[in-house]
Amino acid sequence: MNNKAIIQLDNVSKNYRRGPETVHAVKDVSLSVAPGEYVAVVGHSGSGKTTLMNIMGCLDRPSNGRVTVNGREIQEESESGLTRLRQTSIGFVFQQFFLIPTLNVIENVTLPSLFAGHKPNGRAMELLGKVGLENRLHHLPGELSGGEMQRVAIARSLINAPPILLADEPTGNLDSKNAGLIMDLFEQLNADGVTIVLVTHNSDIVKRCGRTVQIEDGAIIQ
């Protein structure tokens, strides 16, 4: 294990049952991500990218191998311990938005900080300003466009100031202007020391990352 890594995977595999078949979604992957790195994960649809991200984000446990995130071995953590690790150390941007439809924009962004036991402060307003939604604070998700909901989800992922940000196609629902705004924000976060791992098919975004990891058929090939 690399003791300096903020994310460390050692010989990690993940298998699923699909009827009578066993699906090998991730195959014997070893990967180190250093604090402050900016990593793009690329690969064809179905190559195992999302499964790999879920394991790095402590949303899924590996079938085999060892995973260490921010100094904690996830195999040794209880479910409540993993929940706390996610709350304090990891921000997630999913392909789906997972916004609560009955809460307005600022309430959706603030919610993870309340779960983590933090008192409301001005951070939600600050983040919504950075993603260009300062005029949508009291709108419900159903009143927003897909791109606006994506930006709410990005602001929400940053509310607890996590040292790690995992993003699965973070600009997939955005036009070029707002995609550029989000990538500028990610670059600033990375410059401030946030470790970022993102999945993308966008070659322009890959060029802005410090390192590229290619996965194919569940295995890292680059």
C-alpha atoms as a PDB file:
ATOM      1  CA  MET A   1       0.000   0.000   0.000  1.00  0.00           C
ATOM      2  CA  ASN A   2       1.127   3.564  -0.736  1.00  0.00           C
ATOM      3  CA  ASN A   3       0.872   5.328   2.627  1.00  0.00           C
ATOM      4  CA  LYS A   4       0.644   8.709   0.909  1.00  0.00           C
ATOM      5  CA  ALA A   5      -2.449   7.828  -1.137  1.00  0.00           C
ATOM      6  CA  ILE A   6      -5.807   9.338  -0.204  1.00  0.00           C
ATOM      7  CA  ILE A   7      -7.500   6.572  -2.233  1.00  0.00           C
ATOM      8  CA  GLN A   8      -5.813   3.179  -2.474  1.00  0.00           C
ATOM      9  CA  LEU A   9      -7.128   0.057  -4.197  1.00  0.00           C
ATOM     10  CA  ASP A  10      -5.113  -3.152  -3.941  1.00  0.00           C
ATOM     11  CA  ASN A  11      -6.102  -6.116  -6.143  1.00  0.00           C
ATOM     12  CA  VAL A  12      -9.761  -5.119  -6.037  1.00  0.00           C
ATOM     13  CA  SER A  13     -12.445  -7.136  -7.788  1.00  0.00           C
ATOM     14  CA  LYS A  14     -16.220  -6.792  -7.812  1.00  0.00           C
ATOM     15  CA  ASN A  15     -18.527  -9.585  -8.955  1.00  0.00           C
ATOM     16  CA  TYR A  16     -22.306  -9.584  -9.344  1.00  0.00           C
ATOM     17  CA  ARG A  17     -24.783 -12.353  -9.893  1.00  0.00           C
ATOM     18  CA  ARG A  18     -27.022 -11.926 -12.932  1.00  0.00           C
ATOM     19  CA  GLY A  19     -29.297 -14.932 -12.909  1.00  0.00           C
ATOM     20  CA  PRO A  20     -27.087 -17.995 -13.322  1.00  0.00           C
ATOM     21  CA  GLU A  21     -24.132 -15.893 -14.512  1.00  0.00           C
ATOM     22  CA  THR A  22     -21.392 -14.131 -12.559  1.00  0.00           C
ATOM     23  CA  VAL A  23     -20.545 -10.669 -13.900  1.00  0.00           C
ATOM     24  CA  HIS A  24     -16.963  -9.560 -13.245  1.00  0.00           C
ATOM     25  CA  ALA A  25     -17.509  -5.790 -13.163  1.00  0.00           C
ATOM     26  CA  VAL A  26     -14.054  -4.918 -11.791  1.00  0.00           C
ATOM     27  CA  LYS A  27     -11.103  -7.293 -12.176  1.00  0.00           C
ATOM     28  CA  ASP A  28      -8.027  -7.211  -9.934  1.00  0.00           C
ATOM     29  CA  VAL A  29      -7.613  -3.427 -10.021  1.00  0.00           C
ATOM     30  CA  SER A  30      -4.792  -1.715  -8.146  1.00  0.00           C
ATOM     31  CA  LEU A  31      -4.821   2.085  -8.141  1.00  0.00           C
ATOM     32  CA  SER A  32      -3.334   4.863  -6.016  1.00  0.00           C
ATOM     33  CA  VAL A  33      -4.646   8.428  -6.004  1.00  0.00           C
ATOM     34  CA  ALA A  34      -2.474  10.942  -4.184  1.00  0.00           C
ATOM     35  CA  PRO A  35      -3.901  13.884  -2.215  1.00  0.00           C
ATOM     36  CA  GLY A  36      -4.568  16.763  -4.582  1.00  0.00           C
ATOM     37  CA  GLU A  37      -4.567  14.702  -7.776  1.00  0.00           C
ATOM     38  CA  TYR A  38      -7.015  15.379 -10.602  1.00  0.00           C
ATOM     39  CA  VAL A  39      -7.784  12.089 -12.348  1.00  0.00           C
ATOM     40  CA  ALA A  40     -10.002  11.292 -15.328  1.00  0.00           C
ATOM     41  CA  VAL A  41     -11.397   7.763 -15.630  1.00  0.00           C
ATOM     42  CA  VAL A  42     -12.287   6.868 -19.201  1.00  0.00           C
ATOM     43  CA  GLY A  43     -13.662   3.786 -20.937  1.00  0.00           C
ATOM     44  CA  HIS A  44     -16.529   2.512 -23.025  1.00  0.00           C
ATOM     45  CA  SER A  45     -20.042   2.173 -21.631  1.00  0.00           C
ATOM     46  CA  GLY A  46     -20.189  -0.948 -19.482  1.00  0.00           C
ATOM     47  CA  SER A  47     -16.424  -1.048 -18.939  1.00  0.00           C
ATOM     48  CA  GLY A  48     -16.716  -0.829 -15.141  1.00  0.00           C
ATOM     49  CA  LYS A  49     -16.150   2.889 -14.584  1.00  0.00           C
ATOM     50  CA  THR A  50     -19.200   3.514 -12.406  1.00  0.00           C
ATOM     51  CA  THR A  51     -18.614   0.369 -10.343  1.00  0.00           C
ATOM     52  CA  LEU A  52     -15.032   1.481  -9.754  1.00  0.00           C
ATOM     53  CA  MET A  53     -16.237   4.924  -8.660  1.00  0.00           C
ATOM     54  CA  ASN A  54     -18.801   3.381  -6.306  1.00  0.00           C
ATOM     55  CA  ILE A  55     -16.056   1.339  -4.655  1.00  0.00           C
ATOM     56  CA  MET A  56     -13.765   4.372  -4.303  1.00  0.00           C
ATOM     57  CA  GLY A  57     -16.690   6.295  -2.831  1.00  0.00           C
ATOM     58  CA  CYS A  58     -17.506   3.605  -0.236  1.00  0.00           C
ATOM     59  CA  LEU A  59     -20.930   3.049  -1.785  1.00  0.00           C
ATOM     60  CA  ASP A  60     -20.057  -0.541  -2.600  1.00  0.00           C
ATOM     61  CA  ARG A  61     -17.707  -3.036  -0.987  1.00  0.00           C
ATOM     62  CA  PRO A  62     -15.338  -5.083  -3.140  1.00  0.00           C
ATOM     63  CA  SER A  63     -15.729  -8.832  -3.532  1.00  0.00           C
ATOM     64  CA  ASN A  64     -11.962  -9.179  -3.121  1.00  0.00           C
ATOM     65  CA  GLY A  65      -9.016  -6.917  -2.378  1.00  0.00           C
ATOM     66  CA  ARG A  66      -8.431  -3.959  -0.099  1.00  0.00           C
ATOM     67  CA  VAL A  67      -9.717  -0.377  -0.329  1.00  0.00           C
ATOM     68  CA  THR A  68      -8.412   2.472   1.813  1.00  0.00           C
ATOM     69  CA  VAL A  69     -10.017   5.923   1.663  1.00  0.00           C
ATOM     70  CA  ASN A  70      -8.630   8.866   3.597  1.00  0.00           C
ATOM     71  CA  GLY A  71      -6.755   6.499   5.908  1.00  0.00           C
ATOM     72  CA  ARG A  72      -9.671   4.151   6.596  1.00  0.00           C
ATOM     73  CA  GLU A  73      -9.888   0.567   5.345  1.00  0.00           C
ATOM     74  CA  ILE A  74     -13.481   0.173   4.238  1.00  0.00           C
ATOM     75  CA  GLN A  75     -13.557  -3.588   4.814  1.00  0.00           C
ATOM     76  CA  GLU A  76     -13.103  -2.927   8.529  1.00  0.00           C
ATOM     77  CA  GLU A  77     -15.808  -0.277   8.748  1.00  0.00           C
ATOM     78  CA  SER A  78     -19.398  -0.843   9.838  1.00  0.00           C
ATOM     79  CA  GLU A  79     -22.197   0.566   7.690  1.00  0.00           C
ATOM     80  CA  SER A  80     -22.526   3.510  10.074  1.00  0.00           C
ATOM     81  CA  GLY A  81     -18.771   4.048   9.862  1.00  0.00           C
ATOM     82  CA  LEU A  82     -18.929   4.121   6.078  1.00  0.00           C
ATOM     83  CA  THR A  83     -21.828   6.576   6.210  1.00  0.00           C
ATOM     84  CA  ARG A  84     -19.782   8.878   8.416  1.00  0.00           C
ATOM     85  CA  LEU A  85     -16.760   8.527   6.118  1.00  0.00           C
ATOM     86  CA  ARG A  86     -18.871   9.506   3.114  1.00  0.00           C
ATOM     87  CA  GLN A  87     -20.374  12.461   4.962  1.00  0.00           C
ATOM     88  CA  THR A  88     -17.036  13.877   6.068  1.00  0.00           C
ATOM     89  CA  SER A  89     -14.608  12.913   3.313  1.00  0.00           C
ATOM     90  CA  ILE A  90     -16.357  12.429  -0.032  1.00  0.00           C
ATOM     91  CA  GLY A  91     -18.495  14.578  -2.288  1.00  0.00           C
ATOM     92  CA  PHE A  92     -20.467  12.791  -5.008  1.00  0.00           C
ATOM     93  CA  VAL A  93     -21.789  13.989  -8.340  1.00  0.00           C
ATOM     94  CA  PHE A  94     -23.906  11.221  -9.870  1.00  0.00           C
ATOM     95  CA  GLN A  95     -25.300  10.856 -13.387  1.00  0.00           C
ATOM     96  CA  GLN A  96     -28.736  11.051 -11.782  1.00  0.00           C
ATOM     97  CA  PHE A  97     -29.397  14.119  -9.663  1.00  0.00           C
ATOM     98  CA  PHE A  98     -31.114  12.535  -6.630  1.00  0.00           C
ATOM     99  CA  LEU A  99     -32.656  15.856  -5.607  1.00  0.00           C
ATOM    100  CA  ILE A 100     -35.561  15.725  -3.168  1.00  0.00           C
ATOM    101  CA  PRO A 101     -38.561  17.037  -5.150  1.00  0.00           C
ATOM    102  CA  THR A 102     -40.313  18.649  -2.158  1.00  0.00           C
ATOM    103  CA  LEU A 103     -37.261  20.676  -1.106  1.00  0.00           C
ATOM    104  CA  ASN A 104     -36.165  23.841  -2.842  1.00  0.00           C
ATOM    105  CA  VAL A 105     -32.689  24.438  -4.225  1.00  0.00           C
ATOM    106  CA  ILE A 106     -31.024  25.815  -1.115  1.00  0.00           C
ATOM    107  CA  GLU A 107     -32.676  23.175   1.076  1.00  0.00           C
ATOM    108  CA  ASN A 108     -31.367  20.383  -1.184  1.00  0.00           C
ATOM    109  CA  VAL A 109     -27.859  21.815  -1.069  1.00  0.00           C
ATOM    110  CA  THR A 110     -27.924  22.291   2.712  1.00  0.00           C
ATOM    111  CA  LEU A 111     -29.311  18.839   3.550  1.00  0.00           C
ATOM    112  CA  PRO A 112     -26.006  16.881   3.668  1.00  0.00           C
ATOM    113  CA  SER A 113     -24.540  19.375   6.123  1.00  0.00           C
ATOM    114  CA  LEU A 114     -27.519  18.869   8.438  1.00  0.00           C
ATOM    115  CA  PHE A 115     -27.051  15.088   8.247  1.00  0.00           C
ATOM    116  CA  ALA A 116     -23.410  15.614   9.186  1.00  0.00           C
ATOM    117  CA  GLY A 117     -24.465  17.625  12.246  1.00  0.00           C
ATOM    118  CA  HIS A 118     -23.393  21.042  10.979  1.00  0.00           C
ATOM    119  CA  LYS A 119     -25.349  24.216  11.625  1.00  0.00           C
ATOM    120  CA  PRO A 120     -26.569  26.133   8.550  1.00  0.00           C
ATOM    121  CA  ASN A 121     -24.210  28.860   7.403  1.00  0.00           C
ATOM    122  CA  GLY A 122     -23.572  30.864   4.256  1.00  0.00           C
ATOM    123  CA  ARG A 123     -21.743  28.099   2.394  1.00  0.00           C
ATOM    124  CA  ALA A 124     -24.813  26.952   0.437  1.00  0.00           C
ATOM    125  CA  MET A 125     -25.389  30.473  -0.852  1.00  0.00           C
ATOM    126  CA  GLU A 126     -21.708  30.780  -1.769  1.00  0.00           C
ATOM    127  CA  LEU A 127     -21.693  27.504  -3.689  1.00  0.00           C
ATOM    128  CA  LEU A 128     -24.916  28.277  -5.534  1.00  0.00           C
ATOM    129  CA  GLY A 129     -23.379  31.555  -6.596  1.00  0.00           C
ATOM    130  CA  LYS A 130     -20.331  29.730  -7.926  1.00  0.00           C
ATOM    131  CA  VAL A 131     -22.507  27.460 -10.088  1.00  0.00           C
ATOM    132  CA  GLY A 132     -24.600  30.389 -11.316  1.00  0.00           C
ATOM    133  CA  LEU A 133     -27.834  29.621  -9.457  1.00  0.00           C
ATOM    134  CA  GLU A 134     -28.076  32.517  -7.031  1.00  0.00           C
ATOM    135  CA  ASN A 135     -31.413  33.450  -8.618  1.00  0.00           C
ATOM    136  CA  ARG A 136     -32.926  29.962  -8.202  1.00  0.00           C
ATOM    137  CA  LEU A 137     -32.609  29.507  -4.438  1.00  0.00           C
ATOM    138  CA  HIS A 138     -36.297  28.891  -3.745  1.00  0.00           C
ATOM    139  CA  HIS A 139     -37.215  26.938  -6.867  1.00  0.00           C
ATOM    140  CA  LEU A 140     -38.208  23.287  -6.572  1.00  0.00           C
ATOM    141  CA  PRO A 141     -36.352  20.701  -8.694  1.00  0.00           C
ATOM    142  CA  GLY A 142     -39.404  20.319 -10.936  1.00  0.00           C
ATOM    143  CA  GLU A 143     -39.083  23.994 -11.873  1.00  0.00           C
ATOM    144  CA  LEU A 144     -35.474  23.609 -13.063  1.00  0.00           C
ATOM    145  CA  SER A 145     -33.906  22.458 -16.303  1.00  0.00           C
ATOM    146  CA  GLY A 146     -31.728  19.362 -16.399  1.00  0.00           C
ATOM    147  CA  GLY A 147     -28.603  21.508 -16.485  1.00  0.00           C
ATOM    148  CA  GLU A 148     -29.761  23.535 -13.489  1.00  0.00           C
ATOM    149  CA  MET A 149     -30.489  20.377 -11.503  1.00  0.00           C
ATOM    150  CA  GLN A 150     -27.010  19.104 -12.306  1.00  0.00           C
ATOM    151  CA  ARG A 151     -25.497  22.323 -10.961  1.00  0.00           C
ATOM    152  CA  VAL A 152     -27.580  22.012  -7.771  1.00  0.00           C
ATOM    153  CA  ALA A 153     -26.232  18.475  -7.364  1.00  0.00           C
ATOM    154  CA  ILE A 154     -22.669  19.737  -7.807  1.00  0.00           C
ATOM    155  CA  ALA A 155     -23.163  22.453  -5.186  1.00  0.00           C
ATOM    156  CA  ARG A 156     -24.661  19.866  -2.831  1.00  0.00           C
ATOM    157  CA  SER A 157     -21.634  17.592  -3.287  1.00  0.00           C
ATOM    158  CA  LEU A 158     -19.370  20.364  -2.010  1.00  0.00           C
ATOM    159  CA  ILE A 159     -21.399  21.550   0.995  1.00  0.00           C
ATOM    160  CA  ASN A 160     -19.314  19.677   3.597  1.00  0.00           C
ATOM    161  CA  ALA A 161     -16.010  20.782   2.030  1.00  0.00           C
ATOM    162  CA  PRO A 162     -14.904  17.193   1.346  1.00  0.00           C
ATOM    163  CA  PRO A 163     -11.230  16.476   0.626  1.00  0.00           C
ATOM    164  CA  ILE A 164     -12.336  14.054  -2.131  1.00  0.00           C
ATOM    165  CA  LEU A 165     -14.758  14.763  -4.991  1.00  0.00           C
ATOM    166  CA  LEU A 166     -16.007  11.900  -7.177  1.00  0.00           C
ATOM    167  CA  ALA A 167     -17.961  12.913 -10.268  1.00  0.00           C
ATOM    168  CA  ASP A 168     -19.652  10.640 -12.821  1.00  0.00           C
ATOM    169  CA  GLU A 169     -20.080  12.596 -16.082  1.00  0.00           C
ATOM    170  CA  PRO A 170     -20.463  15.939 -14.232  1.00  0.00           C
ATOM    171  CA  THR A 171     -20.992  17.966 -17.421  1.00  0.00           C
ATOM    172  CA  GLY A 172     -23.137  15.432 -19.264  1.00  0.00           C
ATOM    173  CA  ASN A 173     -26.334  17.495 -18.864  1.00  0.00           C
ATOM    174  CA  LEU A 174     -24.769  20.918 -19.360  1.00  0.00           C
ATOM    175  CA  ASP A 175     -24.365  23.198 -22.354  1.00  0.00           C
ATOM    176  CA  SER A 176     -20.847  24.311 -23.265  1.00  0.00           C
ATOM    177  CA  LYS A 177     -21.058  27.559 -21.288  1.00  0.00           C
ATOM    178  CA  ASN A 178     -22.134  25.934 -18.032  1.00  0.00           C
ATOM    179  CA  ALA A 179     -19.811  22.969 -18.585  1.00  0.00           C
ATOM    180  CA  GLY A 180     -16.943  25.442 -18.770  1.00  0.00           C
ATOM    181  CA  LEU A 181     -18.153  27.130 -15.584  1.00  0.00           C
ATOM    182  CA  ILE A 182     -18.204  23.799 -13.739  1.00  0.00           C
ATOM    183  CA  MET A 183     -14.790  22.741 -15.010  1.00  0.00           C
ATOM    184  CA  ASP A 184     -13.346  26.110 -13.955  1.00  0.00           C
ATOM    185  CA  LEU A 185     -14.840  25.502 -10.494  1.00  0.00           C
ATOM    186  CA  PHE A 186     -13.333  22.000 -10.369  1.00  0.00           C
ATOM    187  CA  GLU A 187      -9.921  23.374 -11.333  1.00  0.00           C
ATOM    188  CA  GLN A 188     -10.137  25.965  -8.554  1.00  0.00           C
ATOM    189  CA  LEU A 189     -11.137  23.280  -6.053  1.00  0.00           C
ATOM    190  CA  ASN A 190      -8.215  21.153  -7.183  1.00  0.00           C
ATOM    191  CA  ALA A 191      -5.868  24.129  -6.853  1.00  0.00           C
ATOM    192  CA  ASP A 192      -7.159  24.487  -3.277  1.00  0.00           C
ATOM    193  CA  GLY A 193      -6.163  20.877  -2.576  1.00  0.00           C
ATOM    194  CA  VAL A 194      -9.328  18.871  -3.276  1.00  0.00           C
ATOM    195  CA  THR A 195      -8.654  15.447  -4.803  1.00  0.00           C
ATOM    196  CA  ILE A 196     -10.898  14.955  -7.841  1.00  0.00           C
ATOM    197  CA  VAL A 197     -11.671  11.740  -9.713  1.00  0.00           C
ATOM    198  CA  LEU A 198     -14.159  12.043 -12.541  1.00  0.00           C
ATOM    199  CA  VAL A 199     -15.632   9.806 -15.207  1.00  0.00           C
ATOM    200  CA  THR A 200     -16.012  11.467 -18.576  1.00  0.00           C
ATOM    201  CA  HIS A 201     -16.298  10.774 -22.297  1.00  0.00           C
ATOM    202  CA  ASN A 202     -15.346  14.381 -23.117  1.00  0.00           C
ATOM    203  CA  SER A 203     -11.822  14.626 -24.530  1.00  0.00           C
ATOM    204  CA  ASP A 204     -11.616  18.354 -23.728  1.00  0.00           C
ATOM    205  CA  ILE A 205     -12.260  17.604 -20.044  1.00  0.00           C
ATOM    206  CA  VAL A 206      -9.691  14.792 -20.079  1.00  0.00           C
ATOM    207  CA  LYS A 207      -7.087  17.301 -21.276  1.00  0.00           C
ATOM    208  CA  ARG A 208      -7.762  19.455 -18.211  1.00  0.00           C
ATOM    209  CA  CYS A 209      -7.046  16.602 -15.802  1.00  0.00           C
ATOM    210  CA  GLY A 210      -3.626  15.754 -14.485  1.00  0.00           C
ATOM    211  CA  ARG A 211      -3.818  12.002 -15.128  1.00  0.00           C
ATOM    212  CA  THR A 212      -5.960   9.607 -17.135  1.00  0.00           C
ATOM    213  CA  VAL A 213      -6.909   6.080 -16.086  1.00  0.00           C
ATOM    214  CA  GLN A 214      -8.440   3.890 -18.788  1.00  0.00           C
ATOM    215  CA  ILE A 215     -10.615   0.935 -17.838  1.00  0.00           C
ATOM    216  CA  GLU A 216     -11.763  -1.769 -20.227  1.00  0.00           C
ATOM    217  CA  ASP A 217     -13.758  -4.892 -19.384  1.00  0.00           C
ATOM    218  CA  GLY A 218     -13.288  -4.148 -15.683  1.00  0.00           C
ATOM    219  CA  ALA A 219      -9.493  -3.890 -15.810  1.00  0.00           C
ATOM    220  CA  ILE A 220      -7.208  -0.873 -15.895  1.00  0.00           C
ATOM    221  CA  ILE A 221      -5.180  -0.828 -19.102  1.00  0.00           C
ATOM    222  CA  GLN A 222      -3.526   2.573 -18.693  1.00  0.00           C
END
